[in-house]
PDB file of all heavy atoms in Angstrom:
ATOM      1  N   ILE A   1      65.646 -56.507  30.183  1.00  0.00           N
ATOM      2  CA  ILE A   1      64.268 -56.490  29.707  1.00  0.00           C
ATOM      3  C   ILE A   1      63.789 -55.051  29.507  1.00  0.00           C
ATOM      4  O   ILE A   1      63.186 -54.720  28.478  1.00  0.00           O
ATOM      5  CB  ILE A   1      63.358 -57.243  30.687  1.00  0.00           C
ATOM      6  CG1 ILE A   1      63.709 -58.745  30.675  1.00  0.00           C
ATOM      7  CG2 ILE A   1      61.888 -57.032  30.334  1.00  0.00           C
ATOM      8  CD1 ILE A   1      63.052 -59.537  31.794  1.00  0.00           C
ATOM      9  N   VAL A   2      64.044 -54.194  30.474  1.00  0.00           N
ATOM     10  CA  VAL A   2      63.604 -52.800  30.381  1.00  0.00           C
ATOM     11  C   VAL A   2      64.205 -52.128  29.158  1.00  0.00           C
ATOM     12  O   VAL A   2      63.507 -51.411  28.416  1.00  0.00           O
ATOM     13  CB  VAL A   2      63.961 -52.041  31.674  1.00  0.00           C
ATOM     14  CG1 VAL A   2      63.753 -50.541  31.501  1.00  0.00           C
ATOM     15  CG2 VAL A   2      63.121 -52.554  32.845  1.00  0.00           C
ATOM     16  N   ARG A   3      65.496 -52.347  28.903  1.00  0.00           N
ATOM     17  CA  ARG A   3      66.133 -51.739  27.728  1.00  0.00           C
ATOM     18  C   ARG A   3      65.503 -52.253  26.440  1.00  0.00           C
ATOM     19  O   ARG A   3      65.234 -51.480  25.517  1.00  0.00           O
ATOM     20  CB  ARG A   3      67.632 -52.049  27.719  1.00  0.00           C
ATOM     21  CG  ARG A   3      68.451 -51.288  28.747  1.00  0.00           C
ATOM     22  CD  ARG A   3      69.935 -51.337  28.420  1.00  0.00           C
ATOM     23  NE  ARG A   3      70.446 -52.692  28.319  1.00  0.00           N
ATOM     24  CZ  ARG A   3      71.000 -53.358  29.335  1.00  0.00           C
ATOM     25  NH1 ARG A   3      71.080 -52.776  30.526  1.00  0.00           N
ATOM     26  NH2 ARG A   3      71.458 -54.586  29.171  1.00  0.00           N
ATOM     27  N   GLY A   4      65.267 -53.548  26.366  1.00  0.00           N
ATOM     28  CA  GLY A   4      64.710 -54.125  25.151  1.00  0.00           C
ATOM     29  C   GLY A   4      63.280 -53.689  24.900  1.00  0.00           C
ATOM     30  O   GLY A   4      62.893 -53.411  23.755  1.00  0.00           O
ATOM     31  N   VAL A   5      62.480 -53.618  25.966  1.00  0.00           N
ATOM     32  CA  VAL A   5      61.087 -53.181  25.821  1.00  0.00           C
ATOM     33  C   VAL A   5      61.042 -51.732  25.347  1.00  0.00           C
ATOM     34  O   VAL A   5      60.216 -51.362  24.501  1.00  0.00           O
ATOM     35  CB  VAL A   5      60.328 -53.363  27.149  1.00  0.00           C
ATOM     36  CG1 VAL A   5      58.969 -52.670  27.102  1.00  0.00           C
ATOM     37  CG2 VAL A   5      60.155 -54.850  27.456  1.00  0.00           C
ATOM     38  N   ALA A   6      61.920 -50.886  25.875  1.00  0.00           N
ATOM     39  CA  ALA A   6      61.953 -49.480  25.473  1.00  0.00           C
ATOM     40  C   ALA A   6      62.230 -49.332  23.978  1.00  0.00           C
ATOM     41  O   ALA A   6      61.782 -48.371  23.347  1.00  0.00           O
ATOM     42  CB  ALA A   6      63.008 -48.725  26.283  1.00  0.00           C
ATOM     43  N   ARG A   7      62.954 -50.298  23.409  1.00  0.00           N
ATOM     44  CA  ARG A   7      63.263 -50.265  21.975  1.00  0.00           C
ATOM     45  C   ARG A   7      62.262 -51.060  21.144  1.00  0.00           C
ATOM     46  O   ARG A   7      62.441 -51.208  19.940  1.00  0.00           O
ATOM     47  CB  ARG A   7      64.672 -50.836  21.754  1.00  0.00           C
ATOM     48  CG  ARG A   7      65.776 -50.020  22.427  1.00  0.00           C
ATOM     49  CD  ARG A   7      67.095 -50.763  22.426  1.00  0.00           C
ATOM     50  NE  ARG A   7      68.107 -50.031  23.185  1.00  0.00           N
ATOM     51  CZ  ARG A   7      69.258 -50.550  23.607  1.00  0.00           C
ATOM     52  NH1 ARG A   7      69.545 -51.824  23.339  1.00  0.00           N
ATOM     53  NH2 ARG A   7      70.113 -49.825  24.274  1.00  0.00           N
ATOM     54  N   ASN A   8      61.229 -51.577  21.800  1.00  0.00           N
ATOM     55  CA  ASN A   8      60.222 -52.401  21.128  1.00  0.00           C
ATOM     56  C   ASN A   8      60.871 -53.542  20.352  1.00  0.00           C
ATOM     57  O   ASN A   8      60.499 -53.846  19.213  1.00  0.00           O
ATOM     58  CB  ASN A   8      59.357 -51.554  20.185  1.00  0.00           C
ATOM     59  CG  ASN A   8      58.181 -52.347  19.615  1.00  0.00           C
ATOM     60  OD1 ASN A   8      57.679 -53.294  20.220  1.00  0.00           O
ATOM     61  ND2 ASN A   8      57.749 -51.970  18.415  1.00  0.00           N
ATOM     62  N   ARG A   9      61.820 -54.197  20.967  1.00  0.00           N
ATOM     63  CA  ARG A   9      62.462 -55.340  20.317  1.00  0.00           C
ATOM     64  C   ARG A   9      61.486 -56.506  20.225  1.00  0.00           C
ATOM     65  O   ARG A   9      60.691 -56.753  21.137  1.00  0.00           O
ATOM     66  CB  ARG A   9      63.707 -55.759  21.085  1.00  0.00           C
ATOM     67  CG  ARG A   9      64.869 -54.779  20.948  1.00  0.00           C
ATOM     68  CD  ARG A   9      66.098 -55.261  21.674  1.00  0.00           C
ATOM     69  NE  ARG A   9      66.482 -56.604  21.259  1.00  0.00           N
ATOM     70  CZ  ARG A   9      67.454 -57.305  21.845  1.00  0.00           C
ATOM     71  NH1 ARG A   9      68.110 -56.786  22.869  1.00  0.00           N
ATOM     72  NH2 ARG A   9      67.748 -58.503  21.417  1.00  0.00           N
ATOM     73  N   ALA A  10      61.543 -57.219  19.124  1.00  0.00           N
ATOM     74  CA  ALA A  10      60.653 -58.364  18.934  1.00  0.00           C
ATOM     75  C   ALA A  10      60.972 -59.476  19.920  1.00  0.00           C
ATOM     76  O   ALA A  10      60.068 -60.139  20.430  1.00  0.00           O
ATOM     77  CB  ALA A  10      60.761 -58.881  17.506  1.00  0.00           C
ATOM     78  N   ARG A  11      62.248 -59.690  20.176  1.00  0.00           N
ATOM     79  CA  ARG A  11      62.667 -60.781  21.050  1.00  0.00           C
ATOM     80  C   ARG A  11      63.825 -60.310  21.907  1.00  0.00           C
ATOM     81  O   ARG A  11      64.776 -59.710  21.416  1.00  0.00           O
ATOM     82  CB  ARG A  11      63.090 -61.990  20.210  1.00  0.00           C
ATOM     83  CG  ARG A  11      63.480 -63.218  21.025  1.00  0.00           C
ATOM     84  CD  ARG A  11      64.040 -64.310  20.117  1.00  0.00           C
ATOM     85  NE  ARG A  11      63.052 -64.759  19.140  1.00  0.00           N
ATOM     86  CZ  ARG A  11      63.336 -65.037  17.874  1.00  0.00           C
ATOM     87  NH1 ARG A  11      64.572 -64.891  17.413  1.00  0.00           N
ATOM     88  NH2 ARG A  11      62.381 -65.456  17.060  1.00  0.00           N
ATOM     89  N   ILE A  12      63.740 -60.596  23.210  1.00  0.00           N
ATOM     90  CA  ILE A  12      64.829 -60.290  24.145  1.00  0.00           C
ATOM     91  C   ILE A  12      65.246 -61.609  24.763  1.00  0.00           C
ATOM     92  O   ILE A  12      64.538 -62.167  25.606  1.00  0.00           O
ATOM     93  CB  ILE A  12      64.368 -59.302  25.230  1.00  0.00           C
ATOM     94  CG1 ILE A  12      63.818 -58.019  24.599  1.00  0.00           C
ATOM     95  CG2 ILE A  12      65.517 -58.972  26.172  1.00  0.00           C
ATOM     96  CD1 ILE A  12      63.116 -57.107  25.585  1.00  0.00           C
ATOM     97  N   SER A  13      66.365 -62.150  24.312  1.00  0.00           N
ATOM     98  CA  SER A  13      66.820 -63.470  24.770  1.00  0.00           C
ATOM     99  C   SER A  13      68.218 -63.344  25.354  1.00  0.00           C
ATOM    100  O   SER A  13      69.095 -62.704  24.766  1.00  0.00           O
ATOM    101  CB  SER A  13      66.800 -64.476  23.614  1.00  0.00           C
ATOM    102  OG  SER A  13      67.447 -63.956  22.469  1.00  0.00           O
ATOM    103  N   PHE A  14      68.432 -63.959  26.491  1.00  0.00           N
ATOM    104  CA  PHE A  14      69.707 -63.846  27.195  1.00  0.00           C
ATOM    105  C   PHE A  14      69.826 -64.980  28.205  1.00  0.00           C
ATOM    106  O   PHE A  14      68.812 -65.625  28.538  1.00  0.00           O
ATOM    107  CB  PHE A  14      69.792 -62.482  27.902  1.00  0.00           C
ATOM    108  CG  PHE A  14      68.663 -62.233  28.886  1.00  0.00           C
ATOM    109  CD1 PHE A  14      68.761 -62.629  30.214  1.00  0.00           C
ATOM    110  CD2 PHE A  14      67.481 -61.614  28.478  1.00  0.00           C
ATOM    111  CE1 PHE A  14      67.730 -62.422  31.120  1.00  0.00           C
ATOM    112  CE2 PHE A  14      66.435 -61.393  29.383  1.00  0.00           C
ATOM    113  CZ  PHE A  14      66.567 -61.799  30.703  1.00  0.00           C
ATOM    114  N   PRO A  15      71.051 -65.253  28.692  1.00  0.00           N
ATOM    115  CA  PRO A  15      72.341 -64.673  28.315  1.00  0.00           C
ATOM    116  C   PRO A  15      72.802 -65.194  26.957  1.00  0.00           C
ATOM    117  O   PRO A  15      72.366 -66.273  26.519  1.00  0.00           O
ATOM    118  CB  PRO A  15      73.274 -65.126  29.449  1.00  0.00           C
ATOM    119  CG  PRO A  15      72.686 -66.425  29.897  1.00  0.00           C
ATOM    120  CD  PRO A  15      71.196 -66.261  29.770  1.00  0.00           C
ATOM    121  N   PHE A  16      73.690 -64.450  26.320  1.00  0.00           N
ATOM    122  CA  PHE A  16      74.063 -64.746  24.942  1.00  0.00           C
ATOM    123  C   PHE A  16      74.590 -66.169  24.741  1.00  0.00           C
ATOM    124  O   PHE A  16      74.131 -66.862  23.818  1.00  0.00           O
ATOM    125  CB  PHE A  16      75.107 -63.725  24.457  1.00  0.00           C
ATOM    126  CG  PHE A  16      75.589 -63.990  23.057  1.00  0.00           C
ATOM    127  CD1 PHE A  16      74.803 -63.684  21.966  1.00  0.00           C
ATOM    128  CD2 PHE A  16      76.848 -64.576  22.850  1.00  0.00           C
ATOM    129  CE1 PHE A  16      75.244 -63.940  20.675  1.00  0.00           C
ATOM    130  CE2 PHE A  16      77.293 -64.837  21.567  1.00  0.00           C
ATOM    131  CZ  PHE A  16      76.489 -64.525  20.473  1.00  0.00           C
ATOM    132  N   PRO A  17      75.536 -66.660  25.569  1.00  0.00           N
ATOM    133  CA  PRO A  17      76.059 -68.011  25.282  1.00  0.00           C
ATOM    134  C   PRO A  17      74.982 -69.091  25.356  1.00  0.00           C
ATOM    135  O   PRO A  17      74.937 -69.995  24.520  1.00  0.00           O
ATOM    136  CB  PRO A  17      77.132 -68.213  26.367  1.00  0.00           C
ATOM    137  CG  PRO A  17      77.471 -66.848  26.851  1.00  0.00           C
ATOM    138  CD  PRO A  17      76.202 -66.055  26.729  1.00  0.00           C
ATOM    139  N   LEU A  18      74.106 -68.983  26.351  1.00  0.00           N
ATOM    140  CA  LEU A  18      73.061 -69.998  26.497  1.00  0.00           C
ATOM    141  C   LEU A  18      72.011 -69.860  25.396  1.00  0.00           C
ATOM    142  O   LEU A  18      71.488 -70.866  24.894  1.00  0.00           O
ATOM    143  CB  LEU A  18      72.410 -69.880  27.870  1.00  0.00           C
ATOM    144  CG  LEU A  18      71.467 -71.015  28.279  1.00  0.00           C
ATOM    145  CD1 LEU A  18      72.182 -72.357  28.258  1.00  0.00           C
ATOM    146  CD2 LEU A  18      70.866 -70.747  29.662  1.00  0.00           C
ATOM    147  N   ASN A  19      71.738 -68.638  24.993  1.00  0.00           N
ATOM    148  CA  ASN A  19      70.785 -68.423  23.901  1.00  0.00           C
ATOM    149  C   ASN A  19      71.292 -69.068  22.613  1.00  0.00           C
ATOM    150  O   ASN A  19      70.536 -69.738  21.898  1.00  0.00           O
ATOM    151  CB  ASN A  19      70.568 -66.927  23.685  1.00  0.00           C
ATOM    152  CG  ASN A  19      69.602 -66.645  22.556  1.00  0.00           C
ATOM    153  OD1 ASN A  19      68.503 -67.183  22.504  1.00  0.00           O
ATOM    154  ND2 ASN A  19      70.023 -65.804  21.619  1.00  0.00           N
ATOM    155  N   VAL A  20      72.566 -68.872  22.318  1.00  0.00           N
ATOM    156  CA  VAL A  20      73.141 -69.469  21.103  1.00  0.00           C
ATOM    157  C   VAL A  20      73.070 -70.993  21.177  1.00  0.00           C
ATOM    158  O   VAL A  20      72.689 -71.672  20.214  1.00  0.00           O
ATOM    159  CB  VAL A  20      74.591 -69.003  20.905  1.00  0.00           C
ATOM    160  CG1 VAL A  20      75.269 -69.793  19.785  1.00  0.00           C
ATOM    161  CG2 VAL A  20      74.622 -67.514  20.577  1.00  0.00           C
ATOM    162  N   GLY A  21      73.408 -71.550  22.346  1.00  0.00           N
ATOM    163  CA  GLY A  21      73.370 -72.999  22.498  1.00  0.00           C
ATOM    164  C   GLY A  21      71.972 -73.559  22.330  1.00  0.00           C
ATOM    165  O   GLY A  21      71.769 -74.578  21.662  1.00  0.00           O
ATOM    166  N   CYS A  22      70.982 -72.886  22.928  1.00  0.00           N
ATOM    167  CA  CYS A  22      69.602 -73.363  22.812  1.00  0.00           C
ATOM    168  C   CYS A  22      69.079 -73.204  21.392  1.00  0.00           C
ATOM    169  O   CYS A  22      68.307 -74.043  20.904  1.00  0.00           O
ATOM    170  CB  CYS A  22      68.706 -72.605  23.795  1.00  0.00           C
ATOM    171  SG  CYS A  22      69.029 -72.995  25.536  1.00  0.00           S
ATOM    172  N   TRP A  23      69.497 -72.128  20.722  1.00  0.00           N
ATOM    173  CA  TRP A  23      69.088 -71.933  19.328  1.00  0.00           C
ATOM    174  C   TRP A  23      69.619 -73.072  18.464  1.00  0.00           C
ATOM    175  O   TRP A  23      68.909 -73.581  17.595  1.00  0.00           O
ATOM    176  CB  TRP A  23      69.596 -70.591  18.834  1.00  0.00           C
ATOM    177  CG  TRP A  23      69.252 -70.297  17.402  1.00  0.00           C
ATOM    178  CD1 TRP A  23      68.085 -69.783  16.931  1.00  0.00           C
ATOM    179  CD2 TRP A  23      70.094 -70.507  16.255  1.00  0.00           C
ATOM    180  NE1 TRP A  23      68.135 -69.658  15.563  1.00  0.00           N
ATOM    181  CE2 TRP A  23      69.353 -70.089  15.118  1.00  0.00           C
ATOM    182  CE3 TRP A  23      71.388 -70.991  16.083  1.00  0.00           C
ATOM    183  CZ2 TRP A  23      69.873 -70.152  13.835  1.00  0.00           C
ATOM    184  CZ3 TRP A  23      71.903 -71.057  14.805  1.00  0.00           C
ATOM    185  CH2 TRP A  23      71.153 -70.641  13.694  1.00  0.00           C
ATOM    186  N   TRP A  24      70.864 -73.492  18.718  1.00  0.00           N
ATOM    187  CA  TRP A  24      71.429 -74.595  17.944  1.00  0.00           C
ATOM    188  C   TRP A  24      70.666 -75.896  18.193  1.00  0.00           C
ATOM    189  O   TRP A  24      70.532 -76.726  17.286  1.00  0.00           O
ATOM    190  CB  TRP A  24      72.914 -74.782  18.273  1.00  0.00           C
ATOM    191  CG  TRP A  24      73.798 -73.955  17.386  1.00  0.00           C
ATOM    192  CD1 TRP A  24      74.522 -72.856  17.718  1.00  0.00           C
ATOM    193  CD2 TRP A  24      74.029 -74.178  15.992  1.00  0.00           C
ATOM    194  NE1 TRP A  24      75.185 -72.368  16.625  1.00  0.00           N
ATOM    195  CE2 TRP A  24      74.909 -73.158  15.545  1.00  0.00           C
ATOM    196  CE3 TRP A  24      73.582 -75.127  15.066  1.00  0.00           C
ATOM    197  CZ2 TRP A  24      75.344 -73.074  14.231  1.00  0.00           C
ATOM    198  CZ3 TRP A  24      74.020 -75.050  13.746  1.00  0.00           C
ATOM    199  CH2 TRP A  24      74.890 -74.027  13.346  1.00  0.00           C
ATOM    200  N   LEU A  25      70.150 -76.085  19.400  1.00  0.00           N
ATOM    201  CA  LEU A  25      69.348 -77.280  19.660  1.00  0.00           C
ATOM    202  C   LEU A  25      68.117 -77.326  18.762  1.00  0.00           C
ATOM    203  O   LEU A  25      67.654 -78.405  18.377  1.00  0.00           O
ATOM    204  CB  LEU A  25      68.907 -77.316  21.124  1.00  0.00           C
ATOM    205  CG  LEU A  25      70.000 -77.596  22.165  1.00  0.00           C
ATOM    206  CD1 LEU A  25      69.425 -77.455  23.571  1.00  0.00           C
ATOM    207  CD2 LEU A  25      70.629 -78.970  21.976  1.00  0.00           C
ATOM    208  N   ALA A  26      67.581 -76.142  18.433  1.00  0.00           N
ATOM    209  CA  ALA A  26      66.420 -76.085  17.547  1.00  0.00           C
ATOM    210  C   ALA A  26      66.808 -76.309  16.089  1.00  0.00           C
ATOM    211  O   ALA A  26      66.004 -76.785  15.293  1.00  0.00           O
ATOM    212  CB  ALA A  26      65.715 -74.734  17.690  1.00  0.00           C
ATOM    213  N   VAL A  27      68.046 -75.973  15.742  1.00  0.00           N
ATOM    214  CA  VAL A  27      68.503 -76.054  14.345  1.00  0.00           C
ATOM    215  C   VAL A  27      69.029 -77.438  13.999  1.00  0.00           C
ATOM    216  O   VAL A  27      68.805 -77.957  12.892  1.00  0.00           O
ATOM    217  CB  VAL A  27      69.585 -74.987  14.084  1.00  0.00           C
ATOM    218  CG1 VAL A  27      70.197 -75.158  12.702  1.00  0.00           C
ATOM    219  CG2 VAL A  27      68.998 -73.596  14.234  1.00  0.00           C
ATOM    220  N   LEU A  28      69.721 -78.068  14.943  1.00  0.00           N
ATOM    221  CA  LEU A  28      70.311 -79.377  14.701  1.00  0.00           C
ATOM    222  C   LEU A  28      69.229 -80.440  14.525  1.00  0.00           C
ATOM    223  O   LEU A  28      68.088 -80.251  14.952  1.00  0.00           O
ATOM    224  CB  LEU A  28      71.218 -79.759  15.872  1.00  0.00           C
ATOM    225  CG  LEU A  28      72.498 -78.946  16.059  1.00  0.00           C
ATOM    226  CD1 LEU A  28      73.140 -79.293  17.395  1.00  0.00           C
ATOM    227  CD2 LEU A  28      73.470 -79.190  14.905  1.00  0.00           C
ATOM    228  N   PRO A  29      69.567 -81.576  13.924  1.00  0.00           N
ATOM    229  CA  PRO A  29      68.614 -82.689  13.886  1.00  0.00           C
ATOM    230  C   PRO A  29      68.149 -83.040  15.302  1.00  0.00           C
ATOM    231  O   PRO A  29      68.960 -83.067  16.238  1.00  0.00           O
ATOM    232  CB  PRO A  29      69.420 -83.824  13.262  1.00  0.00           C
ATOM    233  CG  PRO A  29      70.462 -83.135  12.437  1.00  0.00           C
ATOM    234  CD  PRO A  29      70.813 -81.892  13.195  1.00  0.00           C
ATOM    235  N   ALA A  30      66.863 -83.307  15.442  1.00  0.00           N
ATOM    236  CA  ALA A  30      66.283 -83.504  16.774  1.00  0.00           C
ATOM    237  C   ALA A  30      66.955 -84.638  17.543  1.00  0.00           C
ATOM    238  O   ALA A  30      67.157 -84.553  18.758  1.00  0.00           O
ATOM    239  CB  ALA A  30      64.787 -83.763  16.660  1.00  0.00           C
ATOM    240  N   GLY A  31      67.312 -85.705  16.844  1.00  0.00           N
ATOM    241  CA  GLY A  31      67.960 -86.825  17.516  1.00  0.00           C
ATOM    242  C   GLY A  31      69.289 -86.432  18.128  1.00  0.00           C
ATOM    243  O   GLY A  31      69.624 -86.842  19.243  1.00  0.00           O
ATOM    244  N   LEU A  32      70.058 -85.628  17.395  1.00  0.00           N
ATOM    245  CA  LEU A  32      71.341 -85.159  17.915  1.00  0.00           C
ATOM    246  C   LEU A  32      71.130 -84.230  19.106  1.00  0.00           C
ATOM    247  O   LEU A  32      71.855 -84.315  20.116  1.00  0.00           O
ATOM    248  CB  LEU A  32      72.119 -84.452  16.807  1.00  0.00           C
ATOM    249  CG  LEU A  32      73.458 -83.831  17.207  1.00  0.00           C
ATOM    250  CD1 LEU A  32      74.398 -84.875  17.805  1.00  0.00           C
ATOM    251  CD2 LEU A  32      74.108 -83.150  15.998  1.00  0.00           C
ATOM    252  N   SER A  33      70.149 -83.349  19.012  1.00  0.00           N
ATOM    253  CA  SER A  33      69.864 -82.442  20.126  1.00  0.00           C
ATOM    254  C   SER A  33      69.496 -83.211  21.384  1.00  0.00           C
ATOM    255  O   SER A  33      69.926 -82.865  22.491  1.00  0.00           O
ATOM    256  CB  SER A  33      68.736 -81.485  19.746  1.00  0.00           C
ATOM    257  OG  SER A  33      69.121 -80.641  18.680  1.00  0.00           O
ATOM    258  N   GLN A  34      68.711 -84.274  21.230  1.00  0.00           N
ATOM    259  CA  GLN A  34      68.326 -85.076  22.389  1.00  0.00           C
ATOM    260  C   GLN A  34      69.539 -85.739  23.026  1.00  0.00           C
ATOM    261  O   GLN A  34      69.654 -85.800  24.260  1.00  0.00           O
ATOM    262  CB  GLN A  34      67.292 -86.128  21.983  1.00  0.00           C
ATOM    263  CG  GLN A  34      65.923 -85.563  21.639  1.00  0.00           C
ATOM    264  CD  GLN A  34      65.236 -84.972  22.866  1.00  0.00           C
ATOM    265  OE1 GLN A  34      65.337 -85.509  23.962  1.00  0.00           O
ATOM    266  NE2 GLN A  34      64.529 -83.866  22.669  1.00  0.00           N
ATOM    267  N   ARG A  35      70.449 -86.224  22.216  1.00  0.00           N
ATOM    268  CA  ARG A  35      71.664 -86.850  22.760  1.00  0.00           C
ATOM    269  C   ARG A  35      72.526 -85.821  23.487  1.00  0.00           C
ATOM    270  O   ARG A  35      73.104 -86.112  24.546  1.00  0.00           O
ATOM    271  CB  ARG A  35      72.446 -87.535  21.641  1.00  0.00           C
ATOM    272  CG  ARG A  35      71.783 -88.804  21.118  1.00  0.00           C
ATOM    273  CD  ARG A  35      72.739 -89.650  20.295  1.00  0.00           C
ATOM    274  NE  ARG A  35      73.121 -88.997  19.059  1.00  0.00           N
ATOM    275  CZ  ARG A  35      72.447 -89.087  17.906  1.00  0.00           C
ATOM    276  NH1 ARG A  35      71.324 -89.802  17.857  1.00  0.00           N
ATOM    277  NH2 ARG A  35      72.877 -88.474  16.824  1.00  0.00           N
ATOM    278  N   LEU A  36      72.615 -84.616  22.932  1.00  0.00           N
ATOM    279  CA  LEU A  36      73.388 -83.562  23.576  1.00  0.00           C
ATOM    280  C   LEU A  36      72.779 -83.181  24.927  1.00  0.00           C
ATOM    281  O   LEU A  36      73.502 -82.983  25.906  1.00  0.00           O
ATOM    282  CB  LEU A  36      73.455 -82.331  22.667  1.00  0.00           C
ATOM    283  CG  LEU A  36      74.364 -82.438  21.442  1.00  0.00           C
ATOM    284  CD1 LEU A  36      74.162 -81.229  20.529  1.00  0.00           C
ATOM    285  CD2 LEU A  36      75.827 -82.544  21.868  1.00  0.00           C
ATOM    286  N   LEU A  37      71.462 -83.078  24.990  1.00  0.00           N
ATOM    287  CA  LEU A  37      70.805 -82.730  26.244  1.00  0.00           C
ATOM    288  C   LEU A  37      71.036 -83.800  27.307  1.00  0.00           C
ATOM    289  O   LEU A  37      71.274 -83.490  28.481  1.00  0.00           O
ATOM    290  CB  LEU A  37      69.307 -82.523  26.012  1.00  0.00           C
ATOM    291  CG  LEU A  37      68.913 -81.215  25.326  1.00  0.00           C
ATOM    292  CD1 LEU A  37      67.457 -81.256  24.883  1.00  0.00           C
ATOM    293  CD2 LEU A  37      69.147 -80.028  26.250  1.00  0.00           C
ATOM    294  N   ALA A  38      70.972 -85.061  26.913  1.00  0.00           N
ATOM    295  CA  ALA A  38      71.223 -86.148  27.847  1.00  0.00           C
ATOM    296  C   ALA A  38      72.664 -86.101  28.355  1.00  0.00           C
ATOM    297  O   ALA A  38      72.931 -86.283  29.546  1.00  0.00           O
ATOM    298  CB  ALA A  38      70.928 -87.488  27.203  1.00  0.00           C
ATOM    299  N   TRP A  39      73.598 -85.825  27.449  1.00  0.00           N
ATOM    300  CA  TRP A  39      75.009 -85.744  27.809  1.00  0.00           C
ATOM    301  C   TRP A  39      75.274 -84.594  28.780  1.00  0.00           C
ATOM    302  O   TRP A  39      76.098 -84.687  29.687  1.00  0.00           O
ATOM    303  CB  TRP A  39      75.837 -85.570  26.538  1.00  0.00           C
ATOM    304  CG  TRP A  39      77.301 -85.365  26.800  1.00  0.00           C
ATOM    305  CD1 TRP A  39      78.221 -86.291  27.215  1.00  0.00           C
ATOM    306  CD2 TRP A  39      78.021 -84.124  26.688  1.00  0.00           C
ATOM    307  NE1 TRP A  39      79.462 -85.721  27.342  1.00  0.00           N
ATOM    308  CE2 TRP A  39      79.367 -84.389  27.037  1.00  0.00           C
ATOM    309  CE3 TRP A  39      77.665 -82.840  26.295  1.00  0.00           C
ATOM    310  CZ2 TRP A  39      80.353 -83.409  27.011  1.00  0.00           C
ATOM    311  CZ3 TRP A  39      78.640 -81.854  26.277  1.00  0.00           C
ATOM    312  CH2 TRP A  39      79.972 -82.132  26.636  1.00  0.00           C
ATOM    313  N   MET A  40      74.507 -83.482  28.625  1.00  0.00           N
ATOM    314  CA  MET A  40      74.696 -82.303  29.491  1.00  0.00           C
ATOM    315  C   MET A  40      73.973 -82.418  30.822  1.00  0.00           C
ATOM    316  O   MET A  40      74.091 -81.546  31.666  1.00  0.00           O
ATOM    317  CB  MET A  40      74.235 -81.045  28.759  1.00  0.00           C
ATOM    318  CG  MET A  40      75.143 -80.645  27.592  1.00  0.00           C
ATOM    319  SD  MET A  40      74.693 -79.058  26.834  1.00  0.00           S
ATOM    320  CE  MET A  40      73.163 -79.508  26.023  1.00  0.00           C
ATOM    321  N   GLY A  41      73.238 -83.508  31.033  1.00  0.00           N
ATOM    322  CA  GLY A  41      72.595 -83.718  32.327  1.00  0.00           C
ATOM    323  C   GLY A  41      71.127 -83.389  32.386  1.00  0.00           C
ATOM    324  O   GLY A  41      70.542 -83.311  33.474  1.00  0.00           O
ATOM    325  N   TYR A  42      70.479 -83.203  31.211  1.00  0.00           N
ATOM    326  CA  TYR A  42      69.064 -82.853  31.193  1.00  0.00           C
ATOM    327  C   TYR A  42      68.172 -84.051  30.861  1.00  0.00           C
ATOM    328  O   TYR A  42      66.965 -83.897  30.715  1.00  0.00           O
ATOM    329  CB  TYR A  42      68.797 -81.747  30.169  1.00  0.00           C
ATOM    330  CG  TYR A  42      69.419 -80.422  30.543  1.00  0.00           C
ATOM    331  CD1 TYR A  42      70.647 -80.033  30.020  1.00  0.00           C
ATOM    332  CD2 TYR A  42      68.784 -79.571  31.443  1.00  0.00           C
ATOM    333  CE1 TYR A  42      71.227 -78.830  30.363  1.00  0.00           C
ATOM    334  CE2 TYR A  42      69.349 -78.355  31.805  1.00  0.00           C
ATOM    335  CZ  TYR A  42      70.580 -77.997  31.255  1.00  0.00           C
ATOM    336  OH  TYR A  42      71.150 -76.790  31.600  1.00  0.00           O
ATOM    337  N   GLY A  43      68.753 -85.216  30.729  1.00  0.00           N
ATOM    338  CA  GLY A  43      67.968 -86.409  30.399  1.00  0.00           C
ATOM    339  C   GLY A  43      67.539 -87.171  31.639  1.00  0.00           C
ATOM    340  O   GLY A  43      67.977 -86.889  32.758  1.00  0.00           O
ATOM    341  N   ARG A  44      66.714 -88.155  31.428  1.00  0.00           N
ATOM    342  CA  ARG A  44      66.220 -88.988  32.530  1.00  0.00           C
ATOM    343  C   ARG A  44      67.274 -90.000  32.922  1.00  0.00           C
ATOM    344  O   ARG A  44      67.909 -90.621  32.078  1.00  0.00           O
ATOM    345  CB  ARG A  44      64.931 -89.688  32.102  1.00  0.00           C
ATOM    346  CG  ARG A  44      64.308 -90.537  33.190  1.00  0.00           C
ATOM    347  CD  ARG A  44      63.014 -91.159  32.698  1.00  0.00           C
ATOM    348  NE  ARG A  44      62.347 -91.928  33.746  1.00  0.00           N
ATOM    349  CZ  ARG A  44      61.180 -92.492  33.598  1.00  0.00           C
ATOM    350  NH1 ARG A  44      60.530 -92.399  32.446  1.00  0.00           N
ATOM    351  NH2 ARG A  44      60.642 -93.179  34.587  1.00  0.00           N
ATOM    352  N   ARG A  45      67.444 -90.171  34.222  1.00  0.00           N
ATOM    353  CA  ARG A  45      68.391 -91.179  34.709  1.00  0.00           C
ATOM    354  C   ARG A  45      67.781 -92.568  34.542  1.00  0.00           C
ATOM    355  O   ARG A  45      66.585 -92.773  34.743  1.00  0.00           O
ATOM    356  CB  ARG A  45      68.735 -90.945  36.181  1.00  0.00           C
ATOM    357  CG  ARG A  45      69.494 -89.653  36.442  1.00  0.00           C
ATOM    358  CD  ARG A  45      70.026 -89.623  37.851  1.00  0.00           C
ATOM    359  NE  ARG A  45      68.951 -89.727  38.832  1.00  0.00           N
ATOM    360  CZ  ARG A  45      68.320 -88.682  39.342  1.00  0.00           C
ATOM    361  NH1 ARG A  45      68.613 -87.467  38.943  1.00  0.00           N
ATOM    362  NH2 ARG A  45      67.371 -88.850  40.250  1.00  0.00           N
TER     363      ARG A  45
END
């Protein structure tokens, strides 16, 4: 965060693998993203 703020970065998102995965959840069709989240353990039992 300190490094990114010093460079006045618009967005500081990390860690890289999780950021990419979450970004894809926003890009994919919402229905598919919901199924993926449930499969990964983030859905309601």
